[in-house]
Structures are given as structure tokens and as C-alpha cells.
Amino acid sequence: MMKKPALLSDTERLIQMLAEKDSQIEKLNKQIEAYKNELEALPLDTGASKPASEAFPDIIGSGKEMADIFTLLSQVAASSTTVLITGETGTGKELIARAIHQASPARGKAMVTVNCAAIPASLMESELFGHEKGAFTGAMESRAGKFEQADNSTLFLDEIGELPLLLQAKLLRVLQERVVERIGGNKSIKVNVRIIAATNRELQREVMNGTFRNDLYYRLNVFPIALPPLRHRREDIAALAGFFATKQAKAAGKNITGISRKALQDLRNYTWPGNIRELQHVIERSVLLNGDGVLRTIYLPDAPDRKYLEEAAQEEPIRTLDEIDREYILKVVNHCKGRISGPHGAAVLLGMPSTTLISKMQRLGIKKEHFIERDF
């Protein structure tokens, strides 16, 4: 009977020991979870977001695609050669233009930018070439155009494919003669301007369709640089995401320490139709919607409805008969390498006299510069 209290004491000690073990296990589980989270997160400052080229510090990218771009930039920056930058929307064409300017002899002067898609056609001529006082209603004073403002510097013509045909002809003259005349003026003003143009359009196709002058295309396409879409640069996504997350966290007053590997994998698996600009906006939204610490959730856009995409692809815009005739005639004339008459001319293929075809081309505004010159 005297041993019973001792048995109770042993039981209590056993319970206490088990409780301590449970506490230790819980502590170990928390440590394991912390280590797991640490391993799962990619720090923002991994060194990958540092510029891959000392000559072009504002450009992030270390893959082969960007290595080729850095080589081209190094070859052309120090010259005054005209550059045509092509690529999908959001690939960073203006950033590349600024990098070229900053590495050029004109780096001490500001690069002048014109967005050809943002300015109405009625105002574009004045914007580019300037005007004299009283040249048109509202011209209360003389004004220098962008060419004069960019004298001895760089003029960046963004979305050059949007420039109307009439202004394309005037732009070509300035590029050839290096002089401008203000609207309402009769004085030729010499300009020394380095041209960098950019477009997300396929200008060769625009030339074939008659919406872009072939002589201007060849004048601009002296040194082409084609920027790769982000889906071809998946090795650069981590560095770009880290750069944008750091920038947005600072602006939002948040303490974002890293990006989880799952979130990074989501970024790499996405197709990025809007390219780097879309990535920037996605990271900005994700930083705002996440708390401090590791960025674990990426708020990607919803995938477009497949049926909607198929219907949009099948639907064609309604065009006038003149637009259809113009496109088809240009296609045939280009096929004939510019020949109008003769046994191998476009008139024979179209089944009409050459005089009728020439008259029709004149009415539709089709000129020699709109089609490929014939080879002899």
C-alpha cells in the first residue's frame, strides 16, 4: 500500500517528459518550416538583377538572346548610323534607343522622342518640322520642330509604322538632304540628327501592302536590331522580376525579401503576350496584394476564353472595294517585280490593258515607291 504514491509520481514524471518531448518536436517542426520557407524563397538581390553589360547598365539580361543584342549595341552606338529597332509591344524598344544614345558621342545632350502613334496626323508635320507664326490657325508664334530640337543629338521616332504616307515622303526628304523647312516658312534649316526608329509592325509587309514607302524603309533599315519577346528570354525572368519587385516594394513602403520558387515558376510558365511591360505590371500588382516578407502569390491575368480568340481570329474587318483592289493590285505588281506591261507584266495576269491598269493605279494612289522594283 505504501508504493502507490511512488507509482503516481513516476506517471507524473513520464507525462512531464512526454510534454517536454512534444515541445521539442513542435520547436523542431517550426525550425524545419522556417528552413523550408528560406529554401523556397529566392532572394530579390541574387546578383542576377545586376546589369550584364557595363557599357549598358540600364539593361537587364544575361541570356544568349540579350548577349547578341549587347554585341549589336556595342557595334553601332559610337557611330551616327541610323538604327531601326523592331519587336513586339513591351519588349523595351525605347530603353534600347536610350542605351544607344547614352553610349554615343551625343550623350551630353537630351534624346528627343516622338511617338508617331500618339500625335494626330494634322499636327505631326508641325511637331516634326516646326512652323512659323501665322502659318495656320492657332500658330500664335514660331516654333522649332523636333528635328531642330534634336540638332547634334538623337531623334527617336517611336512607332514609325504609324506615320501617314504623306509625311513619310517629307521625312524621307529630310533624311536625304538633312534640311528642314518649317510650315509657312521658306528658309531651309540644316540639321545634324542621328535617327533611331522603332516599330512593332512588320515594315516589309507594310511596304508590300502599300502603307509604307519602300525607299523610306531602306533609308531607316541601315542597322536593324530585332528585340526578342520575353517568352524567348525565360532565363532573364528571375532577374527582371527581382528588379521590379525591389523597385515596387520601395515605392509602396513594403519589406519584400524574396520571391518563392513556386511564384517564380509561375512567372516562367506564363507566355507574356505583353512582354517586359506586362511583367512589370504583374509584379507591381502582386507586391501590393501580398504582405511583407516573401512574395508567394503572383496575380497573373486570366487566360482569354479560347472560343473568343477563335472568333476574333476568324473575324475580318470590313474594307472598301478600293482597299481590296489596292491590296490585290500591289500583290500582283510585286509578284511581277514591278512590271506593268509586256508578256510578264501585271496587266496580263489581271486580264486588262496596261493603260487601264496604270489609270486604276493612279486613281488608287499606287506609286512606284510602293512596290518592288523589277530586276533586269
Protein backbone atom coordinates (compact mmCIF):
# COMPACT_ATOMS: atom_id res chain seq x y z
CA MET A 1 0.00 0.00 0.00
CA MET A 2 2.96 2.34 0.63
CA LYS A 3 4.23 2.05 -3.03
CA LYS A 4 1.15 3.56 -4.66
CA PRO A 5 2.23 7.22 -4.26
CA ALA A 6 5.59 6.34 -5.85
CA LEU A 7 3.79 4.87 -8.86
CA LEU A 8 1.77 8.06 -9.24
CA SER A 9 4.99 10.08 -9.07
CA ASP A 10 6.55 8.02 -11.84
CA THR A 11 3.48 8.53 -14.01
CA GLU A 12 3.63 12.25 -13.49
CA ARG A 13 7.30 12.29 -14.43
CA LEU A 14 6.52 10.30 -17.58
CA ILE A 15 3.78 12.77 -18.55
CA GLN A 16 6.17 15.64 -17.93
CA MET A 17 8.86 14.00 -20.08
CA LEU A 18 6.36 13.42 -22.90
CA ALA A 19 5.21 17.04 -22.69
CA GLU A 20 8.81 18.22 -22.95
CA LYS A 21 9.35 15.95 -25.94
CA ASP A 22 6.22 17.34 -27.60
CA SER A 23 7.51 20.84 -27.00
CA GLN A 24 10.87 19.97 -28.52
CA ILE A 25 9.19 18.32 -31.52
CA GLU A 26 7.00 21.39 -32.04
CA LYS A 27 10.05 23.61 -31.86
CA LEU A 28 11.90 21.42 -34.36
CA ASN A 29 8.87 21.46 -36.69
CA LYS A 30 8.85 25.25 -36.59
CA GLN A 31 12.57 25.34 -37.37
CA ILE A 32 12.07 22.90 -40.24
CA GLU A 33 9.23 25.04 -41.62
CA ALA A 34 11.39 28.15 -41.34
CA TYR A 35 14.26 26.43 -43.15
CA LYS A 36 11.82 25.17 -45.77
CA ASN A 37 10.49 28.67 -46.34
CA GLU A 38 14.02 30.01 -46.54
CA LEU A 39 15.00 27.41 -49.11
CA GLU A 40 11.78 28.00 -51.02
CA ALA A 41 12.35 31.74 -51.38
CA LEU A 42 14.66 33.30 -53.97
CA PRO A 43 16.21 36.46 -52.52
CA LEU A 44 15.50 39.60 -54.52
CA ASP A 45 19.16 40.59 -54.55
CA THR A 46 20.73 37.49 -56.05
CA GLY A 47 23.20 39.40 -58.21
CA ALA A 48 21.25 38.24 -61.28
CA SER A 49 19.48 41.58 -61.46
CA LYS A 50 22.74 43.41 -61.92
CA PRO A 51 23.38 44.57 -65.50
CA ALA A 52 25.08 42.01 -67.71
CA SER A 53 26.95 44.72 -69.61
CA GLU A 54 28.95 47.53 -68.05
CA ALA A 55 28.55 49.55 -71.24
CA PHE A 56 24.74 49.39 -70.98
CA PRO A 57 23.96 49.40 -67.24
CA ASP A 58 20.22 50.05 -67.58
CA ILE A 59 19.54 46.81 -69.47
CA ILE A 60 18.97 43.58 -67.53
CA GLY A 61 19.61 40.28 -69.29
CA SER A 62 22.29 37.60 -69.37
CA GLY A 63 20.94 35.01 -71.80
CA LYS A 64 22.16 34.38 -75.33
CA GLU A 65 19.40 36.48 -76.89
CA MET A 66 20.49 39.55 -74.93
CA ALA A 67 24.20 38.80 -75.42
CA ASP A 68 23.60 39.16 -79.17
CA ILE A 69 21.77 42.47 -78.57
CA PHE A 70 24.67 43.80 -76.45
CA THR A 71 27.06 42.96 -79.29
CA LEU A 72 24.95 44.90 -81.79
CA LEU A 73 24.66 47.88 -79.43
CA SER A 74 28.43 47.97 -78.96
CA GLN A 75 28.95 47.94 -82.71
CA VAL A 76 26.56 50.78 -83.55
CA ALA A 77 26.42 53.11 -80.53
CA ALA A 78 29.54 55.18 -81.24
CA SER A 79 28.57 55.88 -84.86
CA SER A 80 25.92 58.16 -86.36
CA THR A 81 24.30 55.27 -88.26
CA THR A 82 20.51 55.16 -88.48
CA VAL A 83 19.06 52.32 -86.40
CA LEU A 84 15.71 50.54 -86.80
CA ILE A 85 14.56 48.71 -83.66
CA THR A 86 11.81 46.13 -84.15
CA GLY A 87 9.99 43.90 -81.70
CA GLU A 88 6.65 43.17 -80.12
CA THR A 89 4.91 45.66 -77.87
CA GLY A 90 6.55 45.87 -74.46
CA THR A 91 9.98 44.46 -75.41
CA GLY A 92 11.83 47.63 -74.37
CA LYS A 93 12.49 49.40 -77.67
CA GLU A 94 12.73 52.86 -76.09
CA LEU A 95 15.12 51.53 -73.44
CA ILE A 96 17.39 50.21 -76.21
CA ALA A 97 17.20 53.55 -78.03
CA ARG A 98 18.23 55.40 -74.86
CA ALA A 99 21.09 52.95 -74.31
CA ILE A 100 22.40 53.67 -77.82
CA HIS A 101 22.12 57.42 -77.24
CA GLN A 102 23.85 57.25 -73.84
CA ALA A 103 26.77 55.35 -75.39
CA SER A 104 27.05 57.75 -78.36
CA PRO A 105 29.10 60.96 -78.74
CA ALA A 106 25.81 62.90 -78.23
CA ARG A 107 25.31 61.51 -74.69
CA GLY A 108 25.72 65.01 -73.23
CA LYS A 109 22.55 66.21 -74.98
CA ALA A 110 18.99 65.03 -74.43
CA MET A 111 17.49 62.46 -76.77
CA VAL A 112 14.35 63.88 -78.39
CA THR A 113 11.41 61.45 -78.64
CA VAL A 114 8.37 61.50 -80.93
CA ASN A 115 5.60 58.91 -80.61
CA CYS A 116 4.20 58.75 -84.14
CA ALA A 117 1.10 56.89 -82.94
CA ALA A 118 0.16 59.41 -80.25
CA ILE A 119 0.10 62.61 -82.32
CA PRO A 120 -2.77 63.33 -84.77
CA ALA A 121 -1.73 63.36 -88.43
CA SER A 122 -2.85 67.00 -88.74
CA LEU A 123 -0.32 68.04 -86.08
CA MET A 124 2.53 65.67 -86.90
CA GLU A 125 4.14 67.82 -89.61
CA SER A 126 4.36 70.80 -87.26
CA GLU A 127 5.64 68.52 -84.49
CA LEU A 128 8.46 67.21 -86.65
CA PHE A 129 9.42 70.23 -88.74
CA GLY A 130 8.09 73.22 -86.79
CA HIS A 131 6.07 76.20 -88.03
CA GLU A 132 6.27 79.96 -88.42
CA LYS A 133 3.95 82.42 -86.74
CA GLY A 134 0.65 82.67 -88.59
CA ALA A 135 1.31 79.54 -90.67
CA PHE A 136 -2.13 78.20 -89.70
CA THR A 137 -4.97 78.98 -87.33
CA GLY A 138 -3.64 78.89 -83.79
CA ALA A 139 0.03 79.40 -84.74
CA MET A 140 0.49 82.39 -82.46
CA GLU A 141 4.29 82.16 -82.50
CA SER A 142 7.11 80.46 -84.35
CA ARG A 143 8.07 77.05 -83.06
CA ALA A 144 11.03 74.78 -83.72
CA GLY A 145 10.19 71.18 -84.60
CA LYS A 146 11.68 68.03 -83.15
CA PHE A 147 14.37 67.87 -85.84
CA GLU A 148 15.68 71.29 -84.85
CA GLN A 149 15.45 70.39 -81.17
CA ALA A 150 17.50 67.24 -81.82
CA ASP A 151 20.25 69.03 -83.76
CA ASN A 152 23.63 67.41 -82.96
CA SER A 153 21.78 64.78 -80.92
CA THR A 154 19.42 61.80 -81.36
CA LEU A 155 15.82 61.81 -82.59
CA PHE A 156 13.88 58.72 -81.57
CA LEU A 157 10.87 58.08 -83.82
CA ASP A 158 8.76 55.57 -81.91
CA GLU A 159 6.02 53.63 -83.75
CA ILE A 160 7.34 54.84 -87.11
CA GLY A 161 4.95 52.44 -88.87
CA GLU A 162 2.04 54.69 -87.87
CA LEU A 163 3.35 57.68 -89.85
CA PRO A 164 0.96 58.69 -92.70
CA LEU A 165 2.25 58.25 -96.27
CA LEU A 166 2.34 61.98 -96.98
CA LEU A 167 4.59 62.62 -94.02
CA GLN A 168 6.71 59.61 -94.92
CA ALA A 169 7.66 61.40 -98.14
CA LYS A 170 8.58 64.59 -96.25
CA LEU A 171 10.54 62.64 -93.67
CA LEU A 172 12.46 60.88 -96.44
CA ARG A 173 13.46 64.24 -97.92
CA VAL A 174 14.80 65.43 -94.56
CA LEU A 175 16.78 62.23 -94.09
CA GLN A 176 18.27 62.56 -97.57
CA GLU A 177 19.06 66.28 -97.58
CA ARG A 178 19.50 66.94 -93.85
CA VAL A 179 17.47 70.14 -94.06
CA VAL A 180 14.01 71.05 -92.76
CA GLU A 181 11.55 73.77 -93.69
CA ARG A 182 9.04 74.97 -91.13
CA ILE A 183 5.39 75.14 -92.14
CA GLY A 184 4.75 78.60 -93.54
CA GLY A 185 8.46 79.31 -93.92
CA ASN A 186 10.71 79.50 -96.96
CA LYS A 187 14.03 79.02 -95.22
CA SER A 188 15.97 75.74 -95.31
CA ILE A 189 17.41 74.88 -91.91
CA LYS A 190 20.32 72.45 -91.79
CA VAL A 191 20.15 69.77 -89.11
CA ASN A 192 22.63 67.16 -87.93
CA VAL A 193 20.44 64.47 -86.38
CA ARG A 194 21.01 60.79 -85.65
CA ILE A 195 17.79 58.83 -86.28
CA ILE A 196 16.68 55.85 -84.24
CA ALA A 197 13.28 54.48 -85.28
CA ALA A 198 11.20 51.75 -83.68
CA THR A 199 8.10 49.79 -84.61
CA ASN A 200 6.14 46.70 -83.59
CA ARG A 201 4.91 46.31 -87.16
CA GLU A 202 6.47 44.21 -89.92
CA LEU A 203 7.51 47.06 -92.19
CA GLN A 204 8.35 44.78 -95.10
CA ARG A 205 4.73 43.62 -95.10
CA GLU A 206 3.58 47.25 -94.83
CA VAL A 207 5.69 48.03 -97.90
CA MET A 208 4.06 45.15 -99.78
CA ASN A 209 0.62 46.45 -98.76
CA GLY A 210 1.46 49.98 -99.91
CA THR A 211 1.12 51.57 -96.47
CA PHE A 212 4.83 52.25 -96.01
CA ARG A 213 7.26 53.62 -98.58
CA ASN A 214 9.95 51.16 -99.61
CA ASP A 215 12.53 53.94 -100.12
CA LEU A 216 11.94 55.19 -96.56
CA TYR A 217 12.13 51.63 -95.25
CA TYR A 218 15.55 51.12 -96.82
CA ARG A 219 16.68 54.51 -95.54
CA LEU A 220 15.72 53.54 -91.97
CA ASN A 221 16.78 49.90 -92.07
CA VAL A 222 20.51 50.62 -92.19
CA PHE A 223 21.27 48.86 -88.90
CA PRO A 224 18.34 46.68 -87.78
CA ILE A 225 18.03 45.42 -84.19
CA ALA A 226 15.27 42.87 -83.57
CA LEU A 227 14.37 42.54 -79.88
CA PRO A 228 13.33 39.06 -78.68
CA PRO A 229 9.98 38.61 -76.89
CA LEU A 230 10.11 37.73 -73.19
CA ARG A 231 8.94 34.17 -73.86
CA HIS A 232 12.30 33.65 -75.62
CA ARG A 233 14.17 35.07 -72.61
CA ARG A 234 12.88 32.88 -69.78
CA GLU A 235 16.35 32.75 -68.20
CA ASP A 236 16.08 36.52 -67.58
CA ILE A 237 12.66 36.43 -65.88
CA ALA A 238 14.04 35.92 -62.35
CA ALA A 239 16.37 38.91 -62.64
CA LEU A 240 13.68 41.15 -64.14
CA ALA A 241 11.10 40.08 -61.54
CA GLY A 242 13.55 40.77 -58.72
CA PHE A 243 14.38 44.19 -60.11
CA PHE A 244 10.72 45.20 -60.47
CA ALA A 245 9.78 43.74 -57.06
CA THR A 246 12.54 45.72 -55.32
CA LYS A 247 11.52 48.91 -57.11
CA GLN A 248 7.80 48.49 -56.35
CA ALA A 249 8.36 47.43 -52.73
CA LYS A 250 10.36 50.60 -52.12
CA ALA A 251 7.66 52.74 -53.73
CA ALA A 252 4.91 51.03 -51.71
CA GLY A 253 6.83 51.10 -48.42
CA LYS A 254 6.87 47.30 -48.15
CA ASN A 255 9.59 44.94 -46.97
CA ILE A 256 9.65 42.27 -49.69
CA THR A 257 12.61 39.97 -49.02
CA GLY A 258 12.32 37.41 -51.79
CA ILE A 259 10.23 35.53 -54.34
CA SER A 260 9.14 31.96 -53.68
CA ARG A 261 10.31 29.33 -56.14
CA LYS A 262 6.71 28.39 -56.93
CA ALA A 263 5.90 32.02 -57.75
CA LEU A 264 8.99 32.20 -59.93
CA GLN A 265 7.96 29.01 -61.71
CA ASP A 266 4.53 30.54 -62.38
CA LEU A 267 6.27 33.54 -63.94
CA ARG A 268 8.41 31.31 -66.14
CA ASN A 269 5.44 29.23 -67.30
CA TYR A 270 3.40 32.24 -68.45
CA THR A 271 3.59 33.26 -72.14
CA TRP A 272 3.85 37.07 -71.59
CA PRO A 273 1.97 38.48 -74.61
CA GLY A 274 2.69 41.97 -73.21
CA ASN A 275 6.38 41.13 -72.66
CA ILE A 276 8.50 43.08 -70.15
CA ARG A 277 5.93 45.83 -69.68
CA GLU A 278 3.33 43.22 -68.69
CA LEU A 279 5.81 41.56 -66.30
CA GLN A 280 6.41 44.92 -64.63
CA HIS A 281 2.69 45.48 -64.13
CA VAL A 282 2.10 41.94 -62.83
CA ILE A 283 4.90 42.30 -60.25
CA GLU A 284 3.58 45.72 -59.22
CA ARG A 285 0.10 44.30 -58.60
CA SER A 286 1.47 41.23 -56.79
CA VAL A 287 3.63 43.31 -54.44
CA LEU A 288 0.64 45.45 -53.49
CA LEU A 289 -1.60 42.43 -52.83
CA ASN A 290 0.99 40.42 -50.86
CA GLY A 291 2.16 41.17 -47.34
CA ASP A 292 5.72 41.79 -46.25
CA GLY A 293 8.35 39.07 -46.50
CA VAL A 294 8.48 36.53 -49.30
CA LEU A 295 6.41 37.18 -52.42
CA ARG A 296 4.47 33.91 -52.65
CA THR A 297 1.50 34.65 -54.90
CA ILE A 298 1.71 36.05 -58.42
CA TYR A 299 -1.51 37.55 -59.76
CA LEU A 300 -1.34 36.64 -63.43
CA PRO A 301 -4.07 37.73 -65.86
CA ASP A 302 -6.86 35.28 -66.54
CA ALA A 303 -6.38 33.27 -69.70
CA PRO A 304 -8.53 34.59 -72.58
CA ASP A 305 -11.52 32.49 -73.50
CA ARG A 306 -10.49 30.10 -76.30
CA LYS A 307 -13.79 30.50 -78.14
CA TYR A 308 -13.42 34.28 -78.08
CA LEU A 309 -9.89 34.05 -79.51
CA GLU A 310 -11.05 31.73 -82.30
CA GLU A 311 -13.93 34.03 -83.21
CA ALA A 312 -11.65 37.09 -83.16
CA ALA A 313 -9.14 35.34 -85.41
CA GLN A 314 -11.84 34.40 -87.91
CA GLU A 315 -13.49 37.81 -87.99
CA GLU A 316 -12.09 40.14 -90.65
CA PRO A 317 -12.61 43.90 -90.67
CA ILE A 318 -14.93 45.23 -93.36
CA ARG A 319 -12.96 47.03 -96.06
CA THR A 320 -13.94 49.10 -99.07
CA LEU A 321 -13.62 47.73 -102.61
CA ASP A 322 -10.88 50.26 -103.32
CA GLU A 323 -8.86 48.95 -100.35
CA ILE A 324 -9.26 45.37 -101.58
CA ASP A 325 -8.37 46.36 -105.18
CA ARG A 326 -5.33 48.30 -103.99
CA GLU A 327 -4.01 45.41 -101.92
CA TYR A 328 -4.55 42.86 -104.69
CA ILE A 329 -3.00 45.03 -107.42
CA LEU A 330 0.07 45.66 -105.23
CA LYS A 331 0.36 41.94 -104.61
CA VAL A 332 0.28 41.17 -108.36
CA VAL A 333 2.65 44.02 -109.27
CA ASN A 334 5.11 42.87 -106.61
CA HIS A 335 4.80 39.31 -107.92
CA CYS A 336 5.76 40.65 -111.35
CA LYS A 337 8.68 42.57 -109.77
CA GLY A 338 7.28 45.92 -110.80
CA ARG A 339 6.48 45.07 -114.44
CA ILE A 340 3.19 46.59 -115.58
CA SER A 341 3.07 45.85 -119.31
CA GLY A 342 4.58 43.16 -121.54
CA PRO A 343 4.10 39.39 -121.56
CA HIS A 344 5.28 39.03 -117.96
CA GLY A 345 3.58 42.17 -116.66
CA ALA A 346 0.86 42.57 -114.06
CA ALA A 347 -1.70 43.72 -116.66
CA VAL A 348 -1.64 40.32 -118.35
CA LEU A 349 -2.20 38.49 -115.05
CA LEU A 350 -5.04 40.84 -114.14
CA GLY A 351 -6.63 40.46 -117.57
CA MET A 352 -6.75 44.14 -118.52
CA PRO A 353 -4.91 46.53 -120.84
CA SER A 354 -1.80 48.08 -119.29
CA THR A 355 -3.24 51.58 -119.84
CA THR A 356 -6.32 50.62 -117.81
CA LEU A 357 -4.16 49.20 -115.04
CA ILE A 358 -1.97 52.32 -114.94
CA SER A 359 -5.06 54.52 -114.77
CA LYS A 360 -6.51 52.38 -111.97
CA MET A 361 -3.23 52.53 -110.04
CA GLN A 362 -3.16 56.32 -110.34
CA ARG A 363 -6.73 56.54 -109.03
CA LEU A 364 -5.89 54.29 -106.07
CA GLY A 365 -2.77 56.30 -105.26
CA ILE A 366 -0.33 53.47 -106.03
CA LYS A 367 3.08 54.88 -106.88
CA LYS A 368 6.41 53.40 -107.89
CA GLU A 369 7.82 53.60 -104.36
CA HIS A 370 5.01 51.35 -103.09
CA PHE A 371 6.19 48.24 -104.94
CA ILE A 372 9.40 46.32 -105.51
CA GLU A 373 11.44 47.50 -108.46
CA ARG A 374 11.89 44.95 -111.20
CA ASP A 375 15.16 43.08 -111.72
CA PHE A 376 16.75 43.13 -115.17
